[in-house]
Amino acid sequence: TVSRDNAKNTVYLQMNSLKPEDTAVYYCNLATPGRIPWGQGTQ
């Protein structure tokens, strides 16, 4: 489930029932990327 707190300029991703295939580096960005550089992500 994705959510946002505009007052904090923060976006969240709640991940439940995780599976091995969810293993990845996770990034946030605009829904239309290309304008803002990618961050380092979180593993």
Full PDB file with SEQRES, HELIX, SHEET, SSBOND, CRYST1, ORIGX, SCALE, CONECT and MASTER records, all heavy atoms in Angstrom:
SEQRES   1 A   43  THR VAL SER ARG ASP ASN ALA LYS ASN THR VAL TYR LEU          
SEQRES   2 A   43  GLN MET ASN SER LEU LYS PRO GLU ASP THR ALA VAL TYR          
SEQRES   3 A   43  TYR CYS ASN LEU ALA THR PRO GLY ARG ILE PRO TRP GLY          
SEQRES   4 A   43  GLN GLY THR GLN                                              
HELIX    1 AA1 ASN A    6  LYS A    8  5                                   3    
HELIX    2 AA2 PRO A   20  ASP A   22  5                                   3    
SHEET    1 AA1 2 VAL A   2  ASP A   5  0                                        
SHEET    2 AA1 2 THR A  10  LEU A  13 -1                                        
CRYST1    1.000    1.000    1.000  90.00  90.00  90.00 P 1           1          
ORIGX1      1.000000  0.000000  0.000000        0.00000                         
ORIGX2      0.000000  1.000000  0.000000        0.00000                         
ORIGX3      0.000000  0.000000  1.000000        0.00000                         
SCALE1      1.000000  0.000000  0.000000        0.00000                         
SCALE2      0.000000  1.000000  0.000000        0.00000                         
SCALE3      0.000000  0.000000  1.000000        0.00000                         
ATOM      1  N   THR A   1       0.838  -1.189   0.000  1.00  0.00           N  
ATOM      2  CA  THR A   1       0.000   0.000   0.000  1.00  0.00           C  
ATOM      3  C   THR A   1       0.877   1.245   0.000  1.00  0.00           C  
ATOM      4  O   THR A   1       1.738   1.403   0.869  1.00  0.00           O  
ATOM      5  CB  THR A   1      -0.937   0.037   1.219  1.00  0.00           C  
ATOM      6  OG1 THR A   1      -1.743  -1.146   1.248  1.00  0.00           O  
ATOM      7  CG2 THR A   1      -1.850   1.257   1.154  1.00  0.00           C  
ATOM      8  N   VAL A   2       0.653   2.114  -0.960  1.00  0.00           N  
ATOM      9  CA  VAL A   2       1.382   3.372  -1.032  1.00  0.00           C  
ATOM     10  C   VAL A   2       0.535   4.472  -0.406  1.00  0.00           C  
ATOM     11  O   VAL A   2      -0.700   4.462  -0.523  1.00  0.00           O  
ATOM     12  CB  VAL A   2       1.761   3.708  -2.490  1.00  0.00           C  
ATOM     13  CG1 VAL A   2       0.521   3.887  -3.362  1.00  0.00           C  
ATOM     14  CG2 VAL A   2       2.658   4.932  -2.553  1.00  0.00           C  
ATOM     15  N   SER A   3       1.187   5.388   0.272  1.00  0.00           N  
ATOM     16  CA  SER A   3       0.501   6.515   0.876  1.00  0.00           C  
ATOM     17  C   SER A   3       1.413   7.730   0.805  1.00  0.00           C  
ATOM     18  O   SER A   3       2.589   7.622   0.440  1.00  0.00           O  
ATOM     19  CB  SER A   3       0.085   6.214   2.321  1.00  0.00           C  
ATOM     20  OG  SER A   3       1.219   5.935   3.126  1.00  0.00           O  
ATOM     21  N   ARG A   4       0.865   8.872   1.150  1.00  0.00           N  
ATOM     22  CA  ARG A   4       1.657  10.090   1.100  1.00  0.00           C  
ATOM     23  C   ARG A   4       1.255  11.032   2.214  1.00  0.00           C  
ATOM     24  O   ARG A   4       0.104  11.040   2.661  1.00  0.00           O  
ATOM     25  CB  ARG A   4       1.503  10.774  -0.268  1.00  0.00           C  
ATOM     26  CG  ARG A   4       0.084  11.245  -0.572  1.00  0.00           C  
ATOM     27  CD  ARG A   4      -0.073  11.587  -2.054  1.00  0.00           C  
ATOM     28  NE  ARG A   4       0.795  12.690  -2.448  1.00  0.00           N  
ATOM     29  CZ  ARG A   4       1.178  12.938  -3.698  1.00  0.00           C  
ATOM     30  NH1 ARG A   4       0.765  12.139  -4.685  1.00  0.00           N  
ATOM     31  NH2 ARG A   4       1.958  13.965  -3.960  1.00  0.00           N  
ATOM     32  N   ASP A   5       2.211  11.816   2.658  1.00  0.00           N  
ATOM     33  CA  ASP A   5       1.989  12.873   3.623  1.00  0.00           C  
ATOM     34  C   ASP A   5       2.520  14.141   2.976  1.00  0.00           C  
ATOM     35  O   ASP A   5       3.720  14.420   3.013  1.00  0.00           O  
ATOM     36  CB  ASP A   5       2.692  12.581   4.944  1.00  0.00           C  
ATOM     37  CG  ASP A   5       2.356  13.590   6.024  1.00  0.00           C  
ATOM     38  OD1 ASP A   5       1.985  14.733   5.700  1.00  0.00           O  
ATOM     39  OD2 ASP A   5       2.471  13.238   7.219  1.00  0.00           O  
ATOM     40  N   ASN A   6       1.639  14.884   2.367  1.00  0.00           N  
ATOM     41  CA  ASN A   6       2.070  16.061   1.620  1.00  0.00           C  
ATOM     42  C   ASN A   6       2.702  17.117   2.522  1.00  0.00           C  
ATOM     43  O   ASN A   6       3.608  17.839   2.095  1.00  0.00           O  
ATOM     44  CB  ASN A   6       0.890  16.658   0.855  1.00  0.00           C  
ATOM     45  CG  ASN A   6       0.450  15.795  -0.303  1.00  0.00           C  
ATOM     46  OD1 ASN A   6       1.205  14.955  -0.789  1.00  0.00           O  
ATOM     47  ND2 ASN A   6      -0.781  15.992  -0.757  1.00  0.00           N  
ATOM     48  N   ALA A   7       2.228  17.215   3.760  1.00  0.00           N  
ATOM     49  CA  ALA A   7       2.792  18.191   4.677  1.00  0.00           C  
ATOM     50  C   ALA A   7       4.252  17.894   4.976  1.00  0.00           C  
ATOM     51  O   ALA A   7       5.036  18.812   5.240  1.00  0.00           O  
ATOM     52  CB  ALA A   7       1.981  18.239   5.972  1.00  0.00           C  
ATOM     53  N   LYS A   8       4.617  16.614   4.969  1.00  0.00           N  
ATOM     54  CA  LYS A   8       5.996  16.208   5.214  1.00  0.00           C  
ATOM     55  C   LYS A   8       6.765  15.960   3.924  1.00  0.00           C  
ATOM     56  O   LYS A   8       7.949  15.595   3.976  1.00  0.00           O  
ATOM     57  CB  LYS A   8       6.034  14.948   6.074  1.00  0.00           C  
ATOM     58  CG  LYS A   8       5.444  15.124   7.462  1.00  0.00           C  
ATOM     59  CD  LYS A   8       5.599  13.852   8.280  1.00  0.00           C  
ATOM     60  CE  LYS A   8       4.993  14.012   9.660  1.00  0.00           C  
ATOM     61  NZ  LYS A   8       5.699  15.055  10.447  1.00  0.00           N  
ATOM     62  N   ASN A   9       6.107  16.129   2.789  1.00  0.00           N  
ATOM     63  CA  ASN A   9       6.731  15.847   1.493  1.00  0.00           C  
ATOM     64  C   ASN A   9       7.365  14.456   1.480  1.00  0.00           C  
ATOM     65  O   ASN A   9       8.489  14.270   1.004  1.00  0.00           O  
ATOM     66  CB  ASN A   9       7.765  16.922   1.144  1.00  0.00           C  
ATOM     67  CG  ASN A   9       7.129  18.227   0.721  1.00  0.00           C  
ATOM     68  OD1 ASN A   9       6.200  18.245  -0.079  1.00  0.00           O  
ATOM     69  ND2 ASN A   9       7.633  19.328   1.260  1.00  0.00           N  
ATOM     70  N   THR A  10       6.616  13.500   1.977  1.00  0.00           N  
ATOM     71  CA  THR A  10       7.108  12.139   2.132  1.00  0.00           C  
ATOM     72  C   THR A  10       6.097  11.150   1.577  1.00  0.00           C  
ATOM     73  O   THR A  10       4.887  11.323   1.749  1.00  0.00           O  
ATOM     74  CB  THR A  10       7.395  11.825   3.610  1.00  0.00           C  
ATOM     75  OG1 THR A  10       8.371  12.751   4.115  1.00  0.00           O  
ATOM     76  CG2 THR A  10       7.932  10.413   3.775  1.00  0.00           C  
ATOM     77  N   VAL A  11       6.609  10.126   0.919  1.00  0.00           N  
ATOM     78  CA  VAL A  11       5.808   9.039   0.374  1.00  0.00           C  
ATOM     79  C   VAL A  11       6.213   7.747   1.076  1.00  0.00           C  
ATOM     80  O   VAL A  11       7.394   7.551   1.393  1.00  0.00           O  
ATOM     81  CB  VAL A  11       5.993   8.912  -1.146  1.00  0.00           C  
ATOM     82  CG1 VAL A  11       5.035   7.881  -1.725  1.00  0.00           C  
ATOM     83  CG2 VAL A  11       5.779  10.258  -1.826  1.00  0.00           C  
ATOM     84  N   TYR A  12       5.249   6.878   1.309  1.00  0.00           N  
ATOM     85  CA  TYR A  12       5.485   5.646   2.037  1.00  0.00           C  
ATOM     86  C   TYR A  12       5.050   4.447   1.210  1.00  0.00           C  
ATOM     87  O   TYR A  12       4.183   4.541   0.345  1.00  0.00           O  
ATOM     88  CB  TYR A  12       4.719   5.629   3.362  1.00  0.00           C  
ATOM     89  CG  TYR A  12       5.013   6.803   4.256  1.00  0.00           C  
ATOM     90  CD1 TYR A  12       4.207   7.935   4.225  1.00  0.00           C  
ATOM     91  CD2 TYR A  12       6.100   6.790   5.115  1.00  0.00           C  
ATOM     92  CE1 TYR A  12       4.473   9.024   5.040  1.00  0.00           C  
ATOM     93  CE2 TYR A  12       6.372   7.873   5.929  1.00  0.00           C  
ATOM     94  CZ  TYR A  12       5.557   8.985   5.893  1.00  0.00           C  
ATOM     95  OH  TYR A  12       5.822  10.063   6.700  1.00  0.00           O  
ATOM     96  N   LEU A  13       5.650   3.309   1.508  1.00  0.00           N  
ATOM     97  CA  LEU A  13       5.223   2.048   0.936  1.00  0.00           C  
ATOM     98  C   LEU A  13       5.177   1.011   2.043  1.00  0.00           C  
ATOM     99  O   LEU A  13       6.220   0.601   2.549  1.00  0.00           O  
ATOM    100  CB  LEU A  13       6.162   1.590  -0.184  1.00  0.00           C  
ATOM    101  CG  LEU A  13       5.730   0.324  -0.925  1.00  0.00           C  
ATOM    102  CD1 LEU A  13       4.452   0.584  -1.728  1.00  0.00           C  
ATOM    103  CD2 LEU A  13       6.836  -0.186  -1.841  1.00  0.00           C  
ATOM    104  N   GLN A  14       3.974   0.620   2.421  1.00  0.00           N  
ATOM    105  CA  GLN A  14       3.789  -0.442   3.395  1.00  0.00           C  
ATOM    106  C   GLN A  14       3.771  -1.770   2.659  1.00  0.00           C  
ATOM    107  O   GLN A  14       2.941  -1.980   1.774  1.00  0.00           O  
ATOM    108  CB  GLN A  14       2.485  -0.247   4.167  1.00  0.00           C  
ATOM    109  CG  GLN A  14       2.195  -1.337   5.191  1.00  0.00           C  
ATOM    110  CD  GLN A  14       3.174  -1.339   6.336  1.00  0.00           C  
ATOM    111  OE1 GLN A  14       3.449  -0.297   6.913  1.00  0.00           O  
ATOM    112  NE2 GLN A  14       3.724  -2.501   6.665  1.00  0.00           N  
ATOM    113  N   MET A  15       4.678  -2.655   3.022  1.00  0.00           N  
ATOM    114  CA  MET A  15       4.820  -3.943   2.359  1.00  0.00           C  
ATOM    115  C   MET A  15       4.542  -5.044   3.369  1.00  0.00           C  
ATOM    116  O   MET A  15       5.237  -5.161   4.379  1.00  0.00           O  
ATOM    117  CB  MET A  15       6.221  -4.100   1.765  1.00  0.00           C  
ATOM    118  CG  MET A  15       6.628  -2.973   0.827  1.00  0.00           C  
ATOM    119  SD  MET A  15       8.225  -3.283   0.023  1.00  0.00           S  
ATOM    120  CE  MET A  15       9.293  -3.306   1.460  1.00  0.00           C  
ATOM    121  N   ASN A  16       3.537  -5.839   3.095  1.00  0.00           N  
ATOM    122  CA  ASN A  16       3.160  -6.949   3.947  1.00  0.00           C  
ATOM    123  C   ASN A  16       3.273  -8.255   3.178  1.00  0.00           C  
ATOM    124  O   ASN A  16       3.301  -8.275   1.951  1.00  0.00           O  
ATOM    125  CB  ASN A  16       1.728  -6.774   4.464  1.00  0.00           C  
ATOM    126  CG  ASN A  16       1.544  -5.531   5.294  1.00  0.00           C  
ATOM    127  OD1 ASN A  16       2.414  -5.147   6.064  1.00  0.00           O  
ATOM    128  ND2 ASN A  16       0.378  -4.893   5.155  1.00  0.00           N  
ATOM    129  N   SER A  17       3.313  -9.345   3.915  1.00  0.00           N  
ATOM    130  CA  SER A  17       3.373 -10.682   3.320  1.00  0.00           C  
ATOM    131  C   SER A  17       4.469 -10.771   2.269  1.00  0.00           C  
ATOM    132  O   SER A  17       4.261 -11.256   1.159  1.00  0.00           O  
ATOM    133  CB  SER A  17       2.006 -11.052   2.724  1.00  0.00           C  
ATOM    134  OG  SER A  17       0.995 -11.032   3.707  1.00  0.00           O  
ATOM    135  N   LEU A  18       5.635 -10.327   2.630  1.00  0.00           N  
ATOM    136  CA  LEU A  18       6.735 -10.249   1.675  1.00  0.00           C  
ATOM    137  C   LEU A  18       7.155 -11.629   1.197  1.00  0.00           C  
ATOM    138  O   LEU A  18       7.139 -12.602   1.954  1.00  0.00           O  
ATOM    139  CB  LEU A  18       7.913  -9.511   2.289  1.00  0.00           C  
ATOM    140  CG  LEU A  18       7.737  -7.989   2.331  1.00  0.00           C  
ATOM    141  CD1 LEU A  18       8.689  -7.366   3.343  1.00  0.00           C  
ATOM    142  CD2 LEU A  18       7.965  -7.398   0.949  1.00  0.00           C  
ATOM    143  N   LYS A  19       7.543 -11.684  -0.063  1.00  0.00           N  
ATOM    144  CA  LYS A  19       7.975 -12.897  -0.722  1.00  0.00           C  
ATOM    145  C   LYS A  19       9.406 -12.735  -1.210  1.00  0.00           C  
ATOM    146  O   LYS A  19       9.855 -11.614  -1.456  1.00  0.00           O  
ATOM    147  CB  LYS A  19       7.068 -13.212  -1.918  1.00  0.00           C  
ATOM    148  CG  LYS A  19       5.598 -13.334  -1.583  1.00  0.00           C  
ATOM    149  CD  LYS A  19       4.775 -13.521  -2.842  1.00  0.00           C  
ATOM    150  CE  LYS A  19       3.305 -13.656  -2.529  1.00  0.00           C  
ATOM    151  NZ  LYS A  19       2.498 -13.813  -3.772  1.00  0.00           N  
ATOM    152  N   PRO A  20      10.132 -13.841  -1.381  1.00  0.00           N  
ATOM    153  CA  PRO A  20      11.500 -13.723  -1.892  1.00  0.00           C  
ATOM    154  C   PRO A  20      11.589 -12.958  -3.214  1.00  0.00           C  
ATOM    155  O   PRO A  20      12.572 -12.249  -3.437  1.00  0.00           O  
ATOM    156  CB  PRO A  20      11.933 -15.183  -2.057  1.00  0.00           C  
ATOM    157  CG  PRO A  20      11.159 -15.910  -1.010  1.00  0.00           C  
ATOM    158  CD  PRO A  20       9.808 -15.225  -0.979  1.00  0.00           C  
ATOM    159  N   GLU A  21      10.587 -13.087  -4.069  1.00  0.00           N  
ATOM    160  CA  GLU A  21      10.617 -12.381  -5.337  1.00  0.00           C  
ATOM    161  C   GLU A  21      10.441 -10.877  -5.202  1.00  0.00           C  
ATOM    162  O   GLU A  21      10.568 -10.149  -6.188  1.00  0.00           O  
ATOM    163  CB  GLU A  21       9.567 -12.949  -6.302  1.00  0.00           C  
ATOM    164  CG  GLU A  21       8.173 -13.025  -5.714  1.00  0.00           C  
ATOM    165  CD  GLU A  21       7.839 -14.404  -5.184  1.00  0.00           C  
ATOM    166  OE1 GLU A  21       8.710 -15.011  -4.511  1.00  0.00           O  
ATOM    167  OE2 GLU A  21       6.719 -14.886  -5.435  1.00  0.00           O  
ATOM    168  N   ASP A  22      10.132 -10.397  -4.004  1.00  0.00           N  
ATOM    169  CA  ASP A  22      10.094  -8.961  -3.760  1.00  0.00           C  
ATOM    170  C   ASP A  22      11.479  -8.380  -3.529  1.00  0.00           C  
ATOM    171  O   ASP A  22      11.620  -7.158  -3.418  1.00  0.00           O  
ATOM    172  CB  ASP A  22       9.218  -8.640  -2.551  1.00  0.00           C  
ATOM    173  CG  ASP A  22       7.763  -9.010  -2.759  1.00  0.00           C  
ATOM    174  OD1 ASP A  22       7.236  -8.779  -3.869  1.00  0.00           O  
ATOM    175  OD2 ASP A  22       7.148  -9.527  -1.807  1.00  0.00           O  
ATOM    176  N   THR A  23      12.484  -9.214  -3.432  1.00  0.00           N  
ATOM    177  CA  THR A  23      13.842  -8.745  -3.208  1.00  0.00           C  
ATOM    178  C   THR A  23      14.277  -7.837  -4.351  1.00  0.00           C  
ATOM    179  O   THR A  23      14.239  -8.221  -5.521  1.00  0.00           O  
ATOM    180  CB  THR A  23      14.803  -9.933  -3.077  1.00  0.00           C  
ATOM    181  OG1 THR A  23      14.465 -10.693  -1.915  1.00  0.00           O  
ATOM    182  CG2 THR A  23      16.243  -9.458  -2.957  1.00  0.00           C  
ATOM    183  N   ALA A  24      14.686  -6.633  -4.007  1.00  0.00           N  
ATOM    184  CA  ALA A  24      15.060  -5.636  -5.002  1.00  0.00           C  
ATOM    185  C   ALA A  24      15.517  -4.379  -4.287  1.00  0.00           C  
ATOM    186  O   ALA A  24      15.364  -4.243  -3.072  1.00  0.00           O  
ATOM    187  CB  ALA A  24      13.874  -5.309  -5.923  1.00  0.00           C  
ATOM    188  N   VAL A  25      16.068  -3.471  -5.064  1.00  0.00           N  
ATOM    189  CA  VAL A  25      16.298  -2.117  -4.587  1.00  0.00           C  
ATOM    190  C   VAL A  25      15.062  -1.301  -4.930  1.00  0.00           C  
ATOM    191  O   VAL A  25      14.622  -1.289  -6.083  1.00  0.00           O  
ATOM    192  CB  VAL A  25      17.556  -1.488  -5.205  1.00  0.00           C  
ATOM    193  CG1 VAL A  25      17.743  -0.066  -4.709  1.00  0.00           C  
ATOM    194  CG2 VAL A  25      18.783  -2.327  -4.876  1.00  0.00           C  
ATOM    195  N   TYR A  26      14.512  -0.634  -3.946  1.00  0.00           N  
ATOM    196  CA  TYR A  26      13.284   0.125  -4.115  1.00  0.00           C  
ATOM    197  C   TYR A  26      13.586   1.609  -4.192  1.00  0.00           C  
ATOM    198  O   TYR A  26      14.354   2.142  -3.388  1.00  0.00           O  
ATOM    199  CB  TYR A  26      12.317  -0.156  -2.960  1.00  0.00           C  
ATOM    200  CG  TYR A  26      11.642  -1.502  -3.077  1.00  0.00           C  
ATOM    201  CD1 TYR A  26      12.355  -2.673  -2.864  1.00  0.00           C  
ATOM    202  CD2 TYR A  26      10.291  -1.601  -3.425  1.00  0.00           C  
ATOM    203  CE1 TYR A  26      11.751  -3.912  -2.996  1.00  0.00           C  
ATOM    204  CE2 TYR A  26       9.678  -2.832  -3.546  1.00  0.00           C  
ATOM    205  CZ  TYR A  26      10.407  -3.986  -3.333  1.00  0.00           C  
ATOM    206  OH  TYR A  26       9.793  -5.208  -3.461  1.00  0.00           O  
ATOM    207  N   TYR A  27      12.979   2.263  -5.162  1.00  0.00           N  
ATOM    208  CA  TYR A  27      13.165   3.679  -5.418  1.00  0.00           C  
ATOM    209  C   TYR A  27      11.826   4.395  -5.448  1.00  0.00           C  
ATOM    210  O   TYR A  27      10.804   3.804  -5.806  1.00  0.00           O  
ATOM    211  CB  TYR A  27      13.831   3.914  -6.779  1.00  0.00           C  
ATOM    212  CG  TYR A  27      15.146   3.213  -7.007  1.00  0.00           C  
ATOM    213  CD1 TYR A  27      15.194   1.913  -7.486  1.00  0.00           C  
ATOM    214  CD2 TYR A  27      16.346   3.871  -6.767  1.00  0.00           C  
ATOM    215  CE1 TYR A  27      16.395   1.280  -7.721  1.00  0.00           C  
ATOM    216  CE2 TYR A  27      17.555   3.245  -6.998  1.00  0.00           C  
ATOM    217  CZ  TYR A  27      17.573   1.951  -7.478  1.00  0.00           C  
ATOM    218  OH  TYR A  27      18.770   1.322  -7.711  1.00  0.00           O  
ATOM    219  N   CYS A  28      11.849   5.663  -5.121  1.00  0.00           N  
ATOM    220  CA  CYS A  28      10.693   6.506  -5.375  1.00  0.00           C  
ATOM    221  C   CYS A  28      11.059   7.560  -6.399  1.00  0.00           C  
ATOM    222  O   CYS A  28      12.229   7.861  -6.621  1.00  0.00           O  
ATOM    223  CB  CYS A  28      10.174   7.164  -4.085  1.00  0.00           C  
ATOM    224  SG  CYS A  28      11.300   8.357  -3.332  1.00  0.00           S  
ATOM    225  N   ASN A  29      10.054   8.093  -7.047  1.00  0.00           N  
ATOM    226  CA  ASN A  29      10.248   9.149  -8.014  1.00  0.00           C  
ATOM    227  C   ASN A  29       8.871   9.638  -8.456  1.00  0.00           C  
ATOM    228  O   ASN A  29       7.854   9.171  -7.969  1.00  0.00           O  
ATOM    229  CB  ASN A  29      11.070   8.681  -9.217  1.00  0.00           C  
ATOM    230  CG  ASN A  29      11.936   9.783  -9.801  1.00  0.00           C  
ATOM    231  OD1 ASN A  29      11.438  10.844 -10.177  1.00  0.00           O  
ATOM    232  ND2 ASN A  29      13.243   9.534  -9.886  1.00  0.00           N  
ATOM    233  N   LEU A  30       8.870  10.583  -9.365  1.00  0.00           N  
ATOM    234  CA  LEU A  30       7.612  10.985  -9.967  1.00  0.00           C  
ATOM    235  C   LEU A  30       7.010   9.808 -10.716  1.00  0.00           C  
ATOM    236  O   LEU A  30       7.723   8.927 -11.194  1.00  0.00           O  
ATOM    237  CB  LEU A  30       7.816  12.145 -10.929  1.00  0.00           C  
ATOM    238  CG  LEU A  30       8.485  13.405 -10.385  1.00  0.00           C  
ATOM    239  CD1 LEU A  30       8.570  14.455 -11.501  1.00  0.00           C  
ATOM    240  CD2 LEU A  30       7.721  13.965  -9.199  1.00  0.00           C  
ATOM    241  N   ALA A  31       5.698   9.808 -10.830  1.00  0.00           N  
ATOM    242  CA  ALA A  31       5.044   8.766 -11.596  1.00  0.00           C  
ATOM    243  C   ALA A  31       5.465   8.808 -13.060  1.00  0.00           C  
ATOM    244  O   ALA A  31       5.419   7.789 -13.750  1.00  0.00           O  
ATOM    245  CB  ALA A  31       3.524   8.883 -11.471  1.00  0.00           C  
ATOM    246  N   THR A  32       5.843   9.960 -13.520  1.00  0.00           N  
ATOM    247  CA  THR A  32       6.470  10.119 -14.825  1.00  0.00           C  
ATOM    248  C   THR A  32       7.923  10.485 -14.575  1.00  0.00           C  
ATOM    249  O   THR A  32       8.252  11.659 -14.377  1.00  0.00           O  
ATOM    250  CB  THR A  32       5.766  11.201 -15.659  1.00  0.00           C  
ATOM    251  OG1 THR A  32       4.380  10.869 -15.805  1.00  0.00           O  
ATOM    252  CG2 THR A  32       6.402  11.303 -17.028  1.00  0.00           C  
ATOM    253  N   PRO A  33       8.821   9.497 -14.556  1.00  0.00           N  
ATOM    254  CA  PRO A  33      10.214   9.774 -14.200  1.00  0.00           C  
ATOM    255  C   PRO A  33      10.966  10.457 -15.335  1.00  0.00           C  
ATOM    256  O   PRO A  33      10.457  10.601 -16.450  1.00  0.00           O  
ATOM    257  CB  PRO A  33      10.775   8.374 -13.918  1.00  0.00           C  
ATOM    258  CG  PRO A  33       9.970   7.475 -14.798  1.00  0.00           C  
ATOM    259  CD  PRO A  33       8.587   8.067 -14.819  1.00  0.00           C  
ATOM    260  N   GLY A  34      12.178  10.850 -15.015  1.00  0.00           N  
ATOM    261  CA  GLY A  34      13.030  11.495 -15.991  1.00  0.00           C  
ATOM    262  C   GLY A  34      13.352  12.937 -15.680  1.00  0.00           C  
ATOM    263  O   GLY A  34      14.274  13.502 -16.281  1.00  0.00           O  
ATOM    264  N   ARG A  35      12.623  13.537 -14.765  1.00  0.00           N  
ATOM    265  CA  ARG A  35      12.854  14.930 -14.410  1.00  0.00           C  
ATOM    266  C   ARG A  35      13.713  15.066 -13.168  1.00  0.00           C  
ATOM    267  O   ARG A  35      14.452  16.045 -13.031  1.00  0.00           O  
ATOM    268  CB  ARG A  35      11.528  15.644 -14.185  1.00  0.00           C  
ATOM    269  CG  ARG A  35      10.641  15.723 -15.419  1.00  0.00           C  
ATOM    270  CD  ARG A  35       9.311  16.372 -15.089  1.00  0.00           C  
ATOM    271  NE  ARG A  35       9.477  17.712 -14.550  1.00  0.00           N  
ATOM    272  CZ  ARG A  35       8.498  18.439 -14.021  1.00  0.00           C  
ATOM    273  NH1 ARG A  35       7.267  17.941 -13.970  1.00  0.00           N  
ATOM    274  NH2 ARG A  35       8.750  19.643 -13.555  1.00  0.00           N  
ATOM    275  N   ILE A  36      13.613  14.115 -12.258  1.00  0.00           N  
ATOM    276  CA  ILE A  36      14.347  14.153 -10.998  1.00  0.00           C  
ATOM    277  C   ILE A  36      15.327  12.989 -10.968  1.00  0.00           C  
ATOM    278  O   ILE A  36      14.955  11.860 -11.281  1.00  0.00           O  
ATOM    279  CB  ILE A  36      13.385  14.069  -9.799  1.00  0.00           C  
ATOM    280  CG1 ILE A  36      12.409  15.238  -9.826  1.00  0.00           C  
ATOM    281  CG2 ILE A  36      14.153  14.032  -8.487  1.00  0.00           C  
ATOM    282  CD1 ILE A  36      11.368  15.180  -8.736  1.00  0.00           C  
ATOM    283  N   PRO A  37      16.577  13.230 -10.580  1.00  0.00           N  
ATOM    284  CA  PRO A  37      17.532  12.129 -10.521  1.00  0.00           C  
ATOM    285  C   PRO A  37      17.084  11.050  -9.543  1.00  0.00           C  
ATOM    286  O   PRO A  37      16.479  11.343  -8.504  1.00  0.00           O  
ATOM    287  CB  PRO A  37      18.830  12.801 -10.047  1.00  0.00           C  
ATOM    288  CG  PRO A  37      18.669  14.241 -10.410  1.00  0.00           C  
ATOM    289  CD  PRO A  37      17.197  14.531 -10.255  1.00  0.00           C  
ATOM    290  N   TRP A  38      17.399   9.820  -9.897  1.00  0.00           N  
ATOM    291  CA  TRP A  38      17.110   8.711  -9.007  1.00  0.00           C  
ATOM    292  C   TRP A  38      17.976   8.790  -7.754  1.00  0.00           C  
ATOM    293  O   TRP A  38      19.155   9.140  -7.820  1.00  0.00           O  
ATOM    294  CB  TRP A  38      17.348   7.375  -9.705  1.00  0.00           C  
ATOM    295  CG  TRP A  38      16.451   7.131 -10.869  1.00  0.00           C  
ATOM    296  CD1 TRP A  38      16.717   7.373 -12.179  1.00  0.00           C  
ATOM    297  CD2 TRP A  38      15.120   6.593 -10.817  1.00  0.00           C  
ATOM    298  NE1 TRP A  38      15.639   7.029 -12.958  1.00  0.00           N  
ATOM    299  CE2 TRP A  38      14.646   6.543 -12.154  1.00  0.00           C  
ATOM    300  CE3 TRP A  38      14.294   6.149  -9.787  1.00  0.00           C  
ATOM    301  CZ2 TRP A  38      13.373   6.069 -12.476  1.00  0.00           C  
ATOM    302  CZ3 TRP A  38      13.027   5.680 -10.105  1.00  0.00           C  
ATOM    303  CH2 TRP A  38      12.582   5.641 -11.428  1.00  0.00           C  
ATOM    304  N   GLY A  39      17.382   8.458  -6.622  1.00  0.00           N  
ATOM    305  CA  GLY A  39      18.158   8.324  -5.409  1.00  0.00           C  
ATOM    306  C   GLY A  39      18.909   7.015  -5.394  1.00  0.00           C  
ATOM    307  O   GLY A  39      18.957   6.276  -6.384  1.00  0.00           O  
ATOM    308  N   GLN A  40      19.525   6.715  -4.249  1.00  0.00           N  
ATOM    309  CA  GLN A  40      20.269   5.464  -4.129  1.00  0.00           C  
ATOM    310  C   GLN A  40      19.365   4.264  -3.903  1.00  0.00           C  
ATOM    311  O   GLN A  40      19.800   3.128  -4.050  1.00  0.00           O  
ATOM    312  CB  GLN A  40      21.290   5.560  -2.999  1.00  0.00           C  
ATOM    313  CG  GLN A  40      22.437   6.510  -3.301  1.00  0.00           C  
ATOM    314  CD  GLN A  40      23.547   6.410  -2.278  1.00  0.00           C  
ATOM    315  OE1 GLN A  40      23.389   5.809  -1.214  1.00  0.00           O  
ATOM    316  NE2 GLN A  40      24.687   7.000  -2.603  1.00  0.00           N  
ATOM    317  N   GLY A  41      18.125   4.512  -3.548  1.00  0.00           N  
ATOM    318  CA  GLY A  41      17.210   3.428  -3.267  1.00  0.00           C  
ATOM    319  C   GLY A  41      17.485   2.798  -1.913  1.00  0.00           C  
ATOM    320  O   GLY A  41      18.450   3.132  -1.228  1.00  0.00           O  
ATOM    321  N   THR A  42      16.619   1.876  -1.537  1.00  0.00           N  
ATOM    322  CA  THR A  42      16.799   1.137  -0.298  1.00  0.00           C  
ATOM    323  C   THR A  42      16.633  -0.347  -0.598  1.00  0.00           C  
ATOM    324  O   THR A  42      15.698  -0.758  -1.282  1.00  0.00           O  
ATOM    325  CB  THR A  42      15.817   1.628   0.791  1.00  0.00           C  
ATOM    326  OG1 THR A  42      16.096   0.966   2.026  1.00  0.00           O  
ATOM    327  CG2 THR A  42      14.363   1.393   0.397  1.00  0.00           C  
ATOM    328  N   GLN A  43      17.553  -1.140  -0.112  1.00  0.00           N  
ATOM    329  CA  GLN A  43      17.582  -2.566  -0.410  1.00  0.00           C  
ATOM    330  C   GLN A  43      16.585  -3.313   0.457  1.00  0.00           C  
ATOM    331  O   GLN A  43      16.579  -3.173   1.683  1.00  0.00           O  
ATOM    332  CB  GLN A  43      18.987  -3.131  -0.172  1.00  0.00           C  
ATOM    333  CG  GLN A  43      19.094  -4.643  -0.353  1.00  0.00           C  
ATOM    334  CD  GLN A  43      19.013  -5.066  -1.795  1.00  0.00           C  
ATOM    335  OE1 GLN A  43      19.723  -4.522  -2.643  1.00  0.00           O  
ATOM    336  NE2 GLN A  43      18.139  -6.022  -2.087  1.00  0.00           N  
TER     337      GLN A  43                                                      
MASTER        0    0    0    2    2    0    0    6  336    1    0    4          
END                                                                             
